[in-house]
């Protein structure tokens, strides 16, 4: 599989917007108390779907930064009351993945950036 990202800025905006909607729905469900029972299942679905989406669109899930981001977001969402205080963790994870993607592209354009990237890849 090609390791190049196929996600445009517009698509990143749509992904982050969808994650924001998920967070807003979870906040409303938490306020209605039904979220205590439903939100853990929503988090499992969103976490697995986001990971699959990133993999299918060329983002390497072998990158420890991505895995740590997904796992930290999922574990943070499992803390009772996180949605009640309005913390949009899935949205923040989407922004984090967007910034990781853009930093990889910028690093490739910098003189010597490909050398650094290849050295980092060899250590994995």
PDB file of N, CA and C in Angstrom:
ATOM      1  N   UNK A   1       0.838  -1.187   0.000  1.00  0.00           N
ATOM      2  CA  UNK A   1       0.000   0.000   0.000  1.00  0.00           C
ATOM      3  C   UNK A   1       0.878   1.244   0.000  1.00  0.00           C
ATOM      4  N   UNK A   2       0.486   2.248  -0.759  1.00  0.00           N
ATOM      5  CA  UNK A   2       1.229   3.496  -0.860  1.00  0.00           C
ATOM      6  C   UNK A   2       1.114   4.264   0.452  1.00  0.00           C
ATOM      7  N   UNK A   3       2.236   4.730   0.989  1.00  0.00           N
ATOM      8  CA  UNK A   3       2.238   5.442   2.259  1.00  0.00           C
ATOM      9  C   UNK A   3       1.871   6.911   2.123  1.00  0.00           C
ATOM     10  N   UNK A   4       1.725   7.414   0.909  1.00  0.00           N
ATOM     11  CA  UNK A   4       1.362   8.808   0.708  1.00  0.00           C
ATOM     12  C   UNK A   4      -0.078   9.052   1.159  1.00  0.00           C
ATOM     13  N   UNK A   5      -0.284  10.165   1.846  1.00  0.00           N
ATOM     14  CA  UNK A   5      -1.626  10.538   2.269  1.00  0.00           C
ATOM     15  C   UNK A   5      -2.438  10.979   1.063  1.00  0.00           C
ATOM     16  N   UNK A   6      -3.666  10.538   1.017  1.00  0.00           N
ATOM     17  CA  UNK A   6      -4.562  10.917  -0.069  1.00  0.00           C
ATOM     18  C   UNK A   6      -5.645  11.865   0.437  1.00  0.00           C
ATOM     19  N   UNK A   7      -5.440  12.448   1.606  1.00  0.00           N
ATOM     20  CA  UNK A   7      -6.464  13.285   2.219  1.00  0.00           C
ATOM     21  C   UNK A   7      -6.159  14.754   1.936  1.00  0.00           C
ATOM     22  N   UNK A   8      -7.100  15.423   1.258  1.00  0.00           N
ATOM     23  CA  UNK A   8      -6.932  16.847   0.946  1.00  0.00           C
ATOM     24  C   UNK A   8      -7.337  17.688   2.160  1.00  0.00           C
ATOM     25  N   UNK A   9      -7.043  18.982   2.095  1.00  0.00           N
ATOM     26  CA  UNK A   9      -7.441  19.886   3.178  1.00  0.00           C
ATOM     27  C   UNK A   9      -8.956  19.915   3.341  1.00  0.00           C
ATOM     28  N   UNK A  10      -9.677  19.875   2.221  1.00  0.00           N
ATOM     29  CA  UNK A  10     -11.140  19.869   2.275  1.00  0.00           C
ATOM     30  C   UNK A  10     -11.642  18.621   2.979  1.00  0.00           C
ATOM     31  N   UNK A  11     -11.056  17.488   2.637  1.00  0.00           N
ATOM     32  CA  UNK A  11     -11.472  16.237   3.266  1.00  0.00           C
ATOM     33  C   UNK A  11     -11.137  16.239   4.756  1.00  0.00           C
ATOM     34  N   UNK A  12      -9.977  16.790   5.116  1.00  0.00           N
ATOM     35  CA  UNK A  12      -9.648  16.903   6.539  1.00  0.00           C
ATOM     36  C   UNK A  12     -10.698  17.763   7.248  1.00  0.00           C
ATOM     37  N   UNK A  13     -11.124  18.847   6.604  1.00  0.00           N
ATOM     38  CA  UNK A  13     -12.156  19.696   7.192  1.00  0.00           C
ATOM     39  C   UNK A  13     -13.455  18.945   7.411  1.00  0.00           C
ATOM     40  N   UNK A  14     -13.826  18.105   6.444  1.00  0.00           N
ATOM     41  CA  UNK A  14     -15.047  17.303   6.582  1.00  0.00           C
ATOM     42  C   UNK A  14     -14.907  16.274   7.705  1.00  0.00           C
ATOM     43  N   UNK A  15     -13.740  15.652   7.806  1.00  0.00           N
ATOM     44  CA  UNK A  15     -13.506  14.658   8.864  1.00  0.00           C
ATOM     45  C   UNK A  15     -13.577  15.330  10.231  1.00  0.00           C
ATOM     46  N   UNK A  16     -12.899  16.460  10.371  1.00  0.00           N
ATOM     47  CA  UNK A  16     -12.910  17.169  11.655  1.00  0.00           C
ATOM     48  C   UNK A  16     -14.322  17.658  11.972  1.00  0.00           C
ATOM     49  N   UNK A  17     -15.063  18.112  10.962  1.00  0.00           N
ATOM     50  CA  UNK A  17     -16.457  18.516  11.169  1.00  0.00           C
ATOM     51  C   UNK A  17     -17.331  17.362  11.624  1.00  0.00           C
ATOM     52  N   UNK A  18     -17.132  16.186  11.022  1.00  0.00           N
ATOM     53  CA  UNK A  18     -17.895  15.000  11.433  1.00  0.00           C
ATOM     54  C   UNK A  18     -17.550  14.611  12.870  1.00  0.00           C
ATOM     55  N   UNK A  19     -16.269  14.688  13.222  1.00  0.00           N
ATOM     56  CA  UNK A  19     -15.866  14.370  14.596  1.00  0.00           C
ATOM     57  C   UNK A  19     -16.440  15.389  15.581  1.00  0.00           C
ATOM     58  N   UNK A  20     -16.529  16.654  15.162  1.00  0.00           N
ATOM     59  CA  UNK A  20     -17.143  17.676  16.008  1.00  0.00           C
ATOM     60  C   UNK A  20     -18.618  17.362  16.240  1.00  0.00           C
ATOM     61  N   UNK A  21     -19.311  16.923  15.187  1.00  0.00           N
ATOM     62  CA  UNK A  21     -20.727  16.556  15.339  1.00  0.00           C
ATOM     63  C   UNK A  21     -20.882  15.375  16.302  1.00  0.00           C
ATOM     64  N   UNK A  22     -19.993  14.391  16.197  1.00  0.00           N
ATOM     65  CA  UNK A  22     -20.035  13.249  17.124  1.00  0.00           C
ATOM     66  C   UNK A  22     -19.860  13.746  18.554  1.00  0.00           C
ATOM     67  N   UNK A  23     -18.891  14.636  18.770  1.00  0.00           N
ATOM     68  CA  UNK A  23     -18.667  15.174  20.114  1.00  0.00           C
ATOM     69  C   UNK A  23     -19.881  15.943  20.620  1.00  0.00           C
ATOM     70  N   UNK A  24     -20.494  16.761  19.758  1.00  0.00           N
ATOM     71  CA  UNK A  24     -21.670  17.530  20.178  1.00  0.00           C
ATOM     72  C   UNK A  24     -22.839  16.615  20.522  1.00  0.00           C
ATOM     73  N   UNK A  25     -23.042  15.577  19.726  1.00  0.00           N
ATOM     74  CA  UNK A  25     -24.113  14.616  20.013  1.00  0.00           C
ATOM     75  C   UNK A  25     -23.837  13.902  21.331  1.00  0.00           C
ATOM     76  N   UNK A  26     -22.572  13.539  21.564  1.00  0.00           N
ATOM     77  CA  UNK A  26     -22.234  12.876  22.822  1.00  0.00           C
ATOM     78  C   UNK A  26     -22.453  13.800  24.018  1.00  0.00           C
ATOM     79  N   UNK A  27     -22.169  15.090  23.851  1.00  0.00           N
ATOM     80  CA  UNK A  27     -22.393  16.041  24.942  1.00  0.00           C
ATOM     81  C   UNK A  27     -23.881  16.133  25.260  1.00  0.00           C
ATOM     82  N   UNK A  28     -24.718  16.230  24.222  1.00  0.00           N
ATOM     83  CA  UNK A  28     -26.171  16.297  24.431  1.00  0.00           C
ATOM     84  C   UNK A  28     -26.671  15.013  25.091  1.00  0.00           C
ATOM     85  N   UNK A  29     -26.210  13.861  24.613  1.00  0.00           N
ATOM     86  CA  UNK A  29     -26.626  12.591  25.214  1.00  0.00           C
ATOM     87  C   UNK A  29     -26.191  12.498  26.672  1.00  0.00           C
ATOM     88  N   UNK A  30     -25.019  13.028  26.979  1.00  0.00           N
ATOM     89  CA  UNK A  30     -24.533  13.003  28.365  1.00  0.00           C
ATOM     90  C   UNK A  30     -25.431  13.855  29.255  1.00  0.00           C
ATOM     91  N   UNK A  31     -25.866  15.008  28.744  1.00  0.00           N
ATOM     92  CA  UNK A  31     -26.756  15.865  29.515  1.00  0.00           C
ATOM     93  C   UNK A  31     -28.115  15.203  29.726  1.00  0.00           C
ATOM     94  N   UNK A  32     -28.530  14.362  28.782  1.00  0.00           N
ATOM     95  CA  UNK A  32     -29.810  13.658  28.908  1.00  0.00           C
ATOM     96  C   UNK A  32     -29.675  12.369  29.713  1.00  0.00           C
ATOM     97  N   UNK A  33     -28.537  12.100  30.275  1.00  0.00           N
ATOM     98  CA  UNK A  33     -28.196  10.955  31.117  1.00  0.00           C
ATOM     99  C   UNK A  33     -28.125   9.646  30.333  1.00  0.00           C
ATOM    100  N   UNK A  34     -28.803   9.530  29.213  1.00  0.00           N
ATOM    101  CA  UNK A  34     -28.755   8.308  28.408  1.00  0.00           C
ATOM    102  C   UNK A  34     -27.353   8.086  27.851  1.00  0.00           C
ATOM    103  N   UNK A  35     -26.576   9.158  27.772  1.00  0.00           N
ATOM    104  CA  UNK A  35     -25.212   9.066  27.265  1.00  0.00           C
ATOM    105  C   UNK A  35     -24.312   8.190  28.108  1.00  0.00           C
ATOM    106  N   UNK A  36     -24.633   8.060  29.387  1.00  0.00           N
ATOM    107  CA  UNK A  36     -23.828   7.190  30.253  1.00  0.00           C
ATOM    108  C   UNK A  36     -23.843   5.753  29.753  1.00  0.00           C
ATOM    109  N   UNK A  37     -24.936   5.340  29.135  1.00  0.00           N
ATOM    110  CA  UNK A  37     -25.043   3.973  28.617  1.00  0.00           C
ATOM    111  C   UNK A  37     -24.643   3.882  27.148  1.00  0.00           C
ATOM    112  N   UNK A  38     -24.922   4.914  26.367  1.00  0.00           N
ATOM    113  CA  UNK A  38     -24.719   4.851  24.918  1.00  0.00           C
ATOM    114  C   UNK A  38     -23.328   5.303  24.484  1.00  0.00           C
ATOM    115  N   UNK A  39     -22.783   6.329  25.130  1.00  0.00           N
ATOM    116  CA  UNK A  39     -21.524   6.921  24.673  1.00  0.00           C
ATOM    117  C   UNK A  39     -20.334   5.960  24.613  1.00  0.00           C
ATOM    118  N   UNK A  40     -20.190   5.007  25.534  1.00  0.00           N
ATOM    119  CA  UNK A  40     -19.064   4.065  25.380  1.00  0.00           C
ATOM    120  C   UNK A  40     -19.124   3.281  24.065  1.00  0.00           C
ATOM    121  N   UNK A  41     -20.316   2.924  23.626  1.00  0.00           N
ATOM    122  CA  UNK A  41     -20.463   2.202  22.358  1.00  0.00           C
ATOM    123  C   UNK A  41     -20.179   3.119  21.168  1.00  0.00           C
ATOM    124  N   UNK A  42     -20.602   4.381  21.281  1.00  0.00           N
ATOM    125  CA  UNK A  42     -20.306   5.362  20.236  1.00  0.00           C
ATOM    126  C   UNK A  42     -18.791   5.542  20.125  1.00  0.00           C
ATOM    127  N   UNK A  43     -18.111   5.605  21.271  1.00  0.00           N
ATOM    128  CA  UNK A  43     -16.654   5.778  21.269  1.00  0.00           C
ATOM    129  C   UNK A  43     -15.941   4.599  20.622  1.00  0.00           C
ATOM    130  N   UNK A  44     -16.396   3.393  20.895  1.00  0.00           N
ATOM    131  CA  UNK A  44     -15.795   2.207  20.272  1.00  0.00           C
ATOM    132  C   UNK A  44     -15.961   2.287  18.758  1.00  0.00           C
ATOM    133  N   UNK A  45     -17.163   2.618  18.306  1.00  0.00           N
ATOM    134  CA  UNK A  45     -17.429   2.714  16.870  1.00  0.00           C
ATOM    135  C   UNK A  45     -16.594   3.814  16.216  1.00  0.00           C
ATOM    136  N   UNK A  46     -16.565   4.991  16.833  1.00  0.00           N
ATOM    137  CA  UNK A  46     -15.825   6.121  16.254  1.00  0.00           C
ATOM    138  C   UNK A  46     -14.328   5.827  16.237  1.00  0.00           C
ATOM    139  N   UNK A  47     -13.801   5.261  17.311  1.00  0.00           N
ATOM    140  CA  UNK A  47     -12.373   4.948  17.362  1.00  0.00           C
ATOM    141  C   UNK A  47     -11.960   3.955  16.300  1.00  0.00           C
ATOM    142  N   UNK A  48     -12.758   2.904  16.137  1.00  0.00           N
ATOM    143  CA  UNK A  48     -12.438   1.901  15.120  1.00  0.00           C
ATOM    144  C   UNK A  48     -12.627   2.471  13.713  1.00  0.00           C
ATOM    145  N   UNK A  49     -13.669   3.259  13.522  1.00  0.00           N
ATOM    146  CA  UNK A  49     -13.934   3.846  12.201  1.00  0.00           C
ATOM    147  C   UNK A  49     -12.858   4.851  11.805  1.00  0.00           C
ATOM    148  N   UNK A  50     -12.433   5.683  12.752  1.00  0.00           N
ATOM    149  CA  UNK A  50     -11.397   6.673  12.452  1.00  0.00           C
ATOM    150  C   UNK A  50     -10.077   5.979  12.115  1.00  0.00           C
ATOM    151  N   UNK A  51      -9.729   4.956  12.876  1.00  0.00           N
ATOM    152  CA  UNK A  51      -8.510   4.204  12.581  1.00  0.00           C
ATOM    153  C   UNK A  51      -8.558   3.558  11.207  1.00  0.00           C
ATOM    154  N   UNK A  52      -9.688   2.948  10.871  1.00  0.00           N
ATOM    155  CA  UNK A  52      -9.849   2.321   9.558  1.00  0.00           C
ATOM    156  C   UNK A  52      -9.796   3.367   8.449  1.00  0.00           C
ATOM    157  N   UNK A  53     -10.477   4.478   8.647  1.00  0.00           N
ATOM    158  CA  UNK A  53     -10.485   5.551   7.649  1.00  0.00           C
ATOM    159  C   UNK A  53      -9.065   6.060   7.387  1.00  0.00           C
ATOM    160  N   UNK A  54      -8.328   6.334   8.456  1.00  0.00           N
ATOM    161  CA  UNK A  54      -6.962   6.837   8.286  1.00  0.00           C
ATOM    162  C   UNK A  54      -6.098   5.827   7.548  1.00  0.00           C
ATOM    163  N   UNK A  55      -6.252   4.561   7.875  1.00  0.00           N
ATOM    164  CA  UNK A  55      -5.473   3.513   7.206  1.00  0.00           C
ATOM    165  C   UNK A  55      -5.829   3.433   5.720  1.00  0.00           C
ATOM    166  N   UNK A  56      -7.115   3.451   5.412  1.00  0.00           N
ATOM    167  CA  UNK A  56      -7.547   3.356   4.019  1.00  0.00           C
ATOM    168  C   UNK A  56      -7.131   4.570   3.194  1.00  0.00           C
ATOM    169  N   UNK A  57      -6.980   5.711   3.838  1.00  0.00           N
ATOM    170  CA  UNK A  57      -6.611   6.935   3.123  1.00  0.00           C
ATOM    171  C   UNK A  57      -5.110   7.199   3.140  1.00  0.00           C
ATOM    172  N   UNK A  58      -4.308   6.214   3.551  1.00  0.00           N
ATOM    173  CA  UNK A  58      -2.860   6.317   3.416  1.00  0.00           C
ATOM    174  C   UNK A  58      -2.107   6.861   4.610  1.00  0.00           C
ATOM    175  N   UNK A  59      -2.785   7.059   5.728  1.00  0.00           N
ATOM    176  CA  UNK A  59      -2.102   7.497   6.940  1.00  0.00           C
ATOM    177  C   UNK A  59      -1.597   6.259   7.676  1.00  0.00           C
ATOM    178  N   UNK A  60      -0.316   6.223   7.982  1.00  0.00           N
ATOM    179  CA  UNK A  60       0.278   5.035   8.585  1.00  0.00           C
ATOM    180  C   UNK A  60      -0.127   4.898  10.050  1.00  0.00           C
ATOM    181  N   UNK A  61      -0.827   3.815  10.355  1.00  0.00           N
ATOM    182  CA  UNK A  61      -1.161   3.542  11.748  1.00  0.00           C
ATOM    183  C   UNK A  61      -0.014   2.844  12.460  1.00  0.00           C
ATOM    184  N   UNK A  62       1.068   2.562  11.738  1.00  0.00           N
ATOM    185  CA  UNK A  62       2.269   2.022  12.369  1.00  0.00           C
ATOM    186  C   UNK A  62       3.037   3.134  13.083  1.00  0.00           C
ATOM    187  N   UNK A  63       2.671   4.384  12.805  1.00  0.00           N
ATOM    188  CA  UNK A  63       3.302   5.528  13.458  1.00  0.00           C
ATOM    189  C   UNK A  63       2.836   5.577  14.915  1.00  0.00           C
ATOM    190  N   UNK A  64       3.752   5.471  15.869  1.00  0.00           N
ATOM    191  CA  UNK A  64       3.356   5.469  17.285  1.00  0.00           C
ATOM    192  C   UNK A  64       2.586   6.721  17.692  1.00  0.00           C
ATOM    193  N   UNK A  65       2.873   7.861  17.050  1.00  0.00           N
ATOM    194  CA  UNK A  65       2.167   9.095  17.407  1.00  0.00           C
ATOM    195  C   UNK A  65       0.674   8.973  17.107  1.00  0.00           C
ATOM    196  N   UNK A  66       0.328   8.327  16.004  1.00  0.00           N
ATOM    197  CA  UNK A  66      -1.090   8.154  15.652  1.00  0.00           C
ATOM    198  C   UNK A  66      -1.780   7.181  16.605  1.00  0.00           C
ATOM    199  N   UNK A  67      -1.114   6.063  16.876  1.00  0.00           N
ATOM    200  CA  UNK A  67      -1.710   5.062  17.773  1.00  0.00           C
ATOM    201  C   UNK A  67      -1.907   5.649  19.166  1.00  0.00           C
ATOM    202  N   UNK A  68      -0.892   6.348  19.673  1.00  0.00           N
ATOM    203  CA  UNK A  68      -1.004   6.953  21.004  1.00  0.00           C
ATOM    204  C   UNK A  68      -2.139   7.969  21.021  1.00  0.00           C
ATOM    205  N   UNK A  69      -2.277   8.755  19.952  1.00  0.00           N
ATOM    206  CA  UNK A  69      -3.366   9.726  19.875  1.00  0.00           C
ATOM    207  C   UNK A  69      -4.733   9.066  19.910  1.00  0.00           C
ATOM    208  N   UNK A  70      -4.910   8.005  19.120  1.00  0.00           N
ATOM    209  CA  UNK A  70      -6.197   7.296  19.098  1.00  0.00           C
ATOM    210  C   UNK A  70      -6.503   6.645  20.442  1.00  0.00           C
ATOM    211  N   UNK A  71      -5.514   5.968  21.021  1.00  0.00           N
ATOM    212  CA  UNK A  71      -5.724   5.275  22.298  1.00  0.00           C
ATOM    213  C   UNK A  71      -5.974   6.281  23.417  1.00  0.00           C
ATOM    214  N   UNK A  72      -5.208   7.370  23.450  1.00  0.00           N
ATOM    215  CA  UNK A  72      -5.404   8.386  24.487  1.00  0.00           C
ATOM    216  C   UNK A  72      -6.787   9.025  24.376  1.00  0.00           C
ATOM    217  N   UNK A  73      -7.226   9.285  23.156  1.00  0.00           N
ATOM    218  CA  UNK A  73      -8.560   9.854  22.962  1.00  0.00           C
ATOM    219  C   UNK A  73      -9.629   8.881  23.432  1.00  0.00           C
ATOM    220  N   UNK A  74      -9.487   7.613  23.044  1.00  0.00           N
ATOM    221  CA  UNK A  74     -10.472   6.609  23.448  1.00  0.00           C
ATOM    222  C   UNK A  74     -10.520   6.481  24.969  1.00  0.00           C
ATOM    223  N   UNK A  75      -9.355   6.382  25.612  1.00  0.00           N
ATOM    224  CA  UNK A  75      -9.328   6.253  27.074  1.00  0.00           C
ATOM    225  C   UNK A  75      -9.857   7.517  27.748  1.00  0.00           C
ATOM    226  N   UNK A  76      -9.547   8.680  27.180  1.00  0.00           N
ATOM    227  CA  UNK A  76     -10.075   9.927  27.727  1.00  0.00           C
ATOM    228  C   UNK A  76     -11.586  10.004  27.634  1.00  0.00           C
ATOM    229  N   UNK A  77     -12.139   9.472  26.553  1.00  0.00           N
ATOM    230  CA  UNK A  77     -13.596   9.460  26.381  1.00  0.00           C
ATOM    231  C   UNK A  77     -14.274   8.500  27.359  1.00  0.00           C
ATOM    232  N   UNK A  78     -13.546   7.525  27.876  1.00  0.00           N
ATOM    233  CA  UNK A  78     -14.138   6.561  28.799  1.00  0.00           C
ATOM    234  C   UNK A  78     -14.267   7.114  30.216  1.00  0.00           C
ATOM    235  N   UNK A  79     -13.600   8.229  30.500  1.00  0.00           N
ATOM    236  CA  UNK A  79     -13.697   8.850  31.819  1.00  0.00           C
ATOM    237  C   UNK A  79     -15.101   9.426  31.971  1.00  0.00           C
ATOM    238  N   UNK A  80     -15.824   9.013  33.015  1.00  0.00           N
ATOM    239  CA  UNK A  80     -17.190   9.522  33.194  1.00  0.00           C
ATOM    240  C   UNK A  80     -17.203  11.046  33.351  1.00  0.00           C
ATOM    241  N   UNK A  81     -18.101  11.675  32.649  1.00  0.00           N
ATOM    242  CA  UNK A  81     -18.281  13.115  32.763  1.00  0.00           C
ATOM    243  C   UNK A  81     -17.462  13.952  31.801  1.00  0.00           C
ATOM    244  N   UNK A  82     -16.581  13.341  31.025  1.00  0.00           N
ATOM    245  CA  UNK A  82     -15.768  14.116  30.078  1.00  0.00           C
ATOM    246  C   UNK A  82     -16.673  14.811  29.065  1.00  0.00           C
ATOM    247  N   UNK A  83     -17.684  14.113  28.588  1.00  0.00           N
ATOM    248  CA  UNK A  83     -18.605  14.723  27.629  1.00  0.00           C
ATOM    249  C   UNK A  83     -19.501  15.758  28.306  1.00  0.00           C
ATOM    250  N   UNK A  84     -19.788  15.559  29.590  1.00  0.00           N
ATOM    251  CA  UNK A  84     -20.657  16.491  30.300  1.00  0.00           C
ATOM    252  C   UNK A  84     -20.011  17.868  30.437  1.00  0.00           C
ATOM    253  N   UNK A  85     -18.685  17.910  30.541  1.00  0.00           N
ATOM    254  CA  UNK A  85     -18.019  19.213  30.655  1.00  0.00           C
ATOM    255  C   UNK A  85     -17.698  19.807  29.290  1.00  0.00           C
ATOM    256  N   UNK A  86     -18.003  19.068  28.233  1.00  0.00           N
ATOM    257  CA  UNK A  86     -17.873  19.601  26.882  1.00  0.00           C
ATOM    258  C   UNK A  86     -16.497  19.476  26.262  1.00  0.00           C
ATOM    259  N   UNK A  87     -15.726  18.486  26.656  1.00  0.00           N
ATOM    260  CA  UNK A  87     -14.398  18.283  26.066  1.00  0.00           C
ATOM    261  C   UNK A  87     -14.533  17.546  24.740  1.00  0.00           C
ATOM    262  N   UNK A  88     -14.222  18.185  23.625  1.00  0.00           N
ATOM    263  CA  UNK A  88     -14.364  17.543  22.306  1.00  0.00           C
ATOM    264  C   UNK A  88     -13.123  16.724  21.933  1.00  0.00           C
ATOM    265  N   UNK A  89     -12.905  15.600  22.606  1.00  0.00           N
ATOM    266  CA  UNK A  89     -11.675  14.829  22.410  1.00  0.00           C
ATOM    267  C   UNK A  89     -11.543  14.256  21.006  1.00  0.00           C
ATOM    268  N   UNK A  90     -12.641  13.780  20.409  1.00  0.00           N
ATOM    269  CA  UNK A  90     -12.543  13.230  19.053  1.00  0.00           C
ATOM    270  C   UNK A  90     -12.167  14.329  18.062  1.00  0.00           C
ATOM    271  N   UNK A  91     -12.707  15.516  18.245  1.00  0.00           N
ATOM    272  CA  UNK A  91     -12.364  16.637  17.373  1.00  0.00           C
ATOM    273  C   UNK A  91     -10.890  16.993  17.524  1.00  0.00           C
ATOM    274  N   UNK A  92     -10.418  17.026  18.762  1.00  0.00           N
ATOM    275  CA  UNK A  92      -9.004  17.320  19.001  1.00  0.00           C
ATOM    276  C   UNK A  92      -8.106  16.253  18.385  1.00  0.00           C
ATOM    277  N   UNK A  93      -8.544  14.991  18.409  1.00  0.00           N
ATOM    278  CA  UNK A  93      -7.762  13.924  17.780  1.00  0.00           C
ATOM    279  C   UNK A  93      -7.736  14.103  16.262  1.00  0.00           C
ATOM    280  N   UNK A  94      -8.845  14.535  15.684  1.00  0.00           N
ATOM    281  CA  UNK A  94      -8.876  14.809  14.247  1.00  0.00           C
ATOM    282  C   UNK A  94      -7.917  15.932  13.877  1.00  0.00           C
ATOM    283  N   UNK A  95      -7.890  16.988  14.676  1.00  0.00           N
ATOM    284  CA  UNK A  95      -6.969  18.100  14.432  1.00  0.00           C
ATOM    285  C   UNK A  95      -5.525  17.633  14.606  1.00  0.00           C
ATOM    286  N   UNK A  96      -5.278  16.811  15.617  1.00  0.00           N
ATOM    287  CA  UNK A  96      -3.935  16.261  15.863  1.00  0.00           C
ATOM    288  C   UNK A  96      -3.461  15.439  14.664  1.00  0.00           C
ATOM    289  N   UNK A  97      -4.324  14.587  14.135  1.00  0.00           N
ATOM    290  CA  UNK A  97      -3.956  13.777  12.970  1.00  0.00           C
ATOM    291  C   UNK A  97      -3.741  14.647  11.732  1.00  0.00           C
ATOM    292  N   UNK A  98      -4.538  15.689  11.583  1.00  0.00           N
ATOM    293  CA  UNK A  98      -4.352  16.638  10.477  1.00  0.00           C
ATOM    294  C   UNK A  98      -2.978  17.299  10.569  1.00  0.00           C
ATOM    295  N   UNK A  99      -2.616  17.759  11.764  1.00  0.00           N
ATOM    296  CA  UNK A  99      -1.321  18.411  11.943  1.00  0.00           C
ATOM    297  C   UNK A  99      -0.168  17.436  11.721  1.00  0.00           C
ATOM    298  N   UNK A 100      -0.330  16.181  12.146  1.00  0.00           N
ATOM    299  CA  UNK A 100       0.699  15.169  11.877  1.00  0.00           C
ATOM    300  C   UNK A 100       0.883  14.973  10.381  1.00  0.00           C
ATOM    301  N   UNK A 101      -0.213  14.904   9.662  1.00  0.00           N
ATOM    302  CA  UNK A 101      -0.161  14.711   8.213  1.00  0.00           C
ATOM    303  C   UNK A 101       0.549  15.877   7.531  1.00  0.00           C
ATOM    304  N   UNK A 102       0.191  17.089   7.934  1.00  0.00           N
ATOM    305  CA  UNK A 102       0.794  18.274   7.317  1.00  0.00           C
ATOM    306  C   UNK A 102       2.270  18.391   7.687  1.00  0.00           C
ATOM    307  N   UNK A 103       2.637  18.039   8.912  1.00  0.00           N
ATOM    308  CA  UNK A 103       4.048  18.137   9.308  1.00  0.00           C
ATOM    309  C   UNK A 103       4.898  17.146   8.521  1.00  0.00           C
ATOM    310  N   UNK A 104       4.347  15.967   8.215  1.00  0.00           N
ATOM    311  CA  UNK A 104       5.080  14.994   7.401  1.00  0.00           C
ATOM    312  C   UNK A 104       5.321  15.541   5.995  1.00  0.00           C
ATOM    313  N   UNK A 105       4.305  16.196   5.420  1.00  0.00           N
ATOM    314  CA  UNK A 105       4.454  16.766   4.074  1.00  0.00           C
ATOM    315  C   UNK A 105       5.473  17.901   4.068  1.00  0.00           C
ATOM    316  N   UNK A 106       5.440  18.745   5.094  1.00  0.00           N
ATOM    317  CA  UNK A 106       6.375  19.866   5.171  1.00  0.00           C
ATOM    318  C   UNK A 106       7.798  19.352   5.362  1.00  0.00           C
ATOM    319  N   UNK A 107       7.962  18.325   6.184  1.00  0.00           N
ATOM    320  CA  UNK A 107       9.289  17.765   6.432  1.00  0.00           C
ATOM    321  C   UNK A 107       9.899  17.207   5.158  1.00  0.00           C
ATOM    322  N   UNK A 108       9.076  16.644   4.280  1.00  0.00           N
ATOM    323  CA  UNK A 108       9.585  16.112   3.015  1.00  0.00           C
ATOM    324  C   UNK A 108      10.062  17.222   2.079  1.00  0.00           C
ATOM    325  N   UNK A 109       9.511  18.425   2.215  1.00  0.00           N
ATOM    326  CA  UNK A 109       9.881  19.532   1.330  1.00  0.00           C
ATOM    327  C   UNK A 109      11.123  20.278   1.804  1.00  0.00           C
ATOM    328  N   UNK A 110      11.454  20.149   3.081  1.00  0.00           N
ATOM    329  CA  UNK A 110      12.620  20.828   3.640  1.00  0.00           C
ATOM    330  C   UNK A 110      13.885  20.123   3.164  1.00  0.00           C
ATOM    331  N   UNK A 111      14.918  20.871   2.774  1.00  0.00           N
ATOM    332  CA  UNK A 111      16.165  20.211   2.376  1.00  0.00           C
ATOM    333  C   UNK A 111      16.715  19.341   3.509  1.00  0.00           C
ATOM    334  N   UNK A 112      16.959  18.091   3.201  1.00  0.00           N
ATOM    335  CA  UNK A 112      17.436  17.141   4.205  1.00  0.00           C
ATOM    336  C   UNK A 112      16.321  16.480   4.988  1.00  0.00           C
ATOM    337  N   UNK A 113      15.101  16.894   4.744  1.00  0.00           N
ATOM    338  CA  UNK A 113      13.966  16.332   5.475  1.00  0.00           C
ATOM    339  C   UNK A 113      13.726  14.874   5.160  1.00  0.00           C
ATOM    340  N   UNK A 114      13.971  14.487   3.903  1.00  0.00           N
ATOM    341  CA  UNK A 114      13.787  13.084   3.518  1.00  0.00           C
ATOM    342  C   UNK A 114      14.799  12.194   4.224  1.00  0.00           C
ATOM    343  N   UNK A 115      16.006  12.717   4.441  1.00  0.00           N
ATOM    344  CA  UNK A 115      17.032  11.948   5.158  1.00  0.00           C
ATOM    345  C   UNK A 115      16.583  11.707   6.594  1.00  0.00           C
ATOM    346  N   UNK A 116      16.082  12.753   7.230  1.00  0.00           N
ATOM    347  CA  UNK A 116      15.605  12.627   8.607  1.00  0.00           C
ATOM    348  C   UNK A 116      14.435  11.655   8.669  1.00  0.00           C
ATOM    349  N   UNK A 117      13.506  11.776   7.735  1.00  0.00           N
ATOM    350  CA  UNK A 117      12.349  10.883   7.702  1.00  0.00           C
ATOM    351  C   UNK A 117      12.782   9.439   7.522  1.00  0.00           C
ATOM    352  N   UNK A 118      13.741   9.197   6.634  1.00  0.00           N
ATOM    353  CA  UNK A 118      14.192   7.818   6.408  1.00  0.00           C
ATOM    354  C   UNK A 118      14.907   7.267   7.633  1.00  0.00           C
ATOM    355  N   UNK A 119      15.668   8.109   8.344  1.00  0.00           N
ATOM    356  CA  UNK A 119      16.336   7.655   9.565  1.00  0.00           C
ATOM    357  C   UNK A 119      15.317   7.296  10.644  1.00  0.00           C
ATOM    358  N   UNK A 120      14.288   8.105  10.758  1.00  0.00           N
ATOM    359  CA  UNK A 120      13.244   7.834  11.746  1.00  0.00           C
ATOM    360  C   UNK A 120      12.497   6.558  11.384  1.00  0.00           C
ATOM    361  N   UNK A 121      12.208   6.366  10.107  1.00  0.00           N
ATOM    362  CA  UNK A 121      11.491   5.169   9.654  1.00  0.00           C
ATOM    363  C   UNK A 121      12.307   3.906   9.909  1.00  0.00           C
ATOM    364  N   UNK A 122      13.633   3.973   9.771  1.00  0.00           N
ATOM    365  CA  UNK A 122      14.476   2.797   9.995  1.00  0.00           C
ATOM    366  C   UNK A 122      14.488   2.377  11.454  1.00  0.00           C
ATOM    367  N   UNK A 123      14.291   3.325  12.372  1.00  0.00           N
ATOM    368  CA  UNK A 123      14.306   3.013  13.799  1.00  0.00           C
ATOM    369  C   UNK A 123      13.034   2.324  14.249  1.00  0.00           C
ATOM    370  N   UNK A 124      11.986   2.375  13.463  1.00  0.00           N
ATOM    371  CA  UNK A 124      10.708   1.763  13.854  1.00  0.00           C
ATOM    372  C   UNK A 124      10.770   0.272  13.756  1.00  0.00           C
TER     373      UNK A 124
END
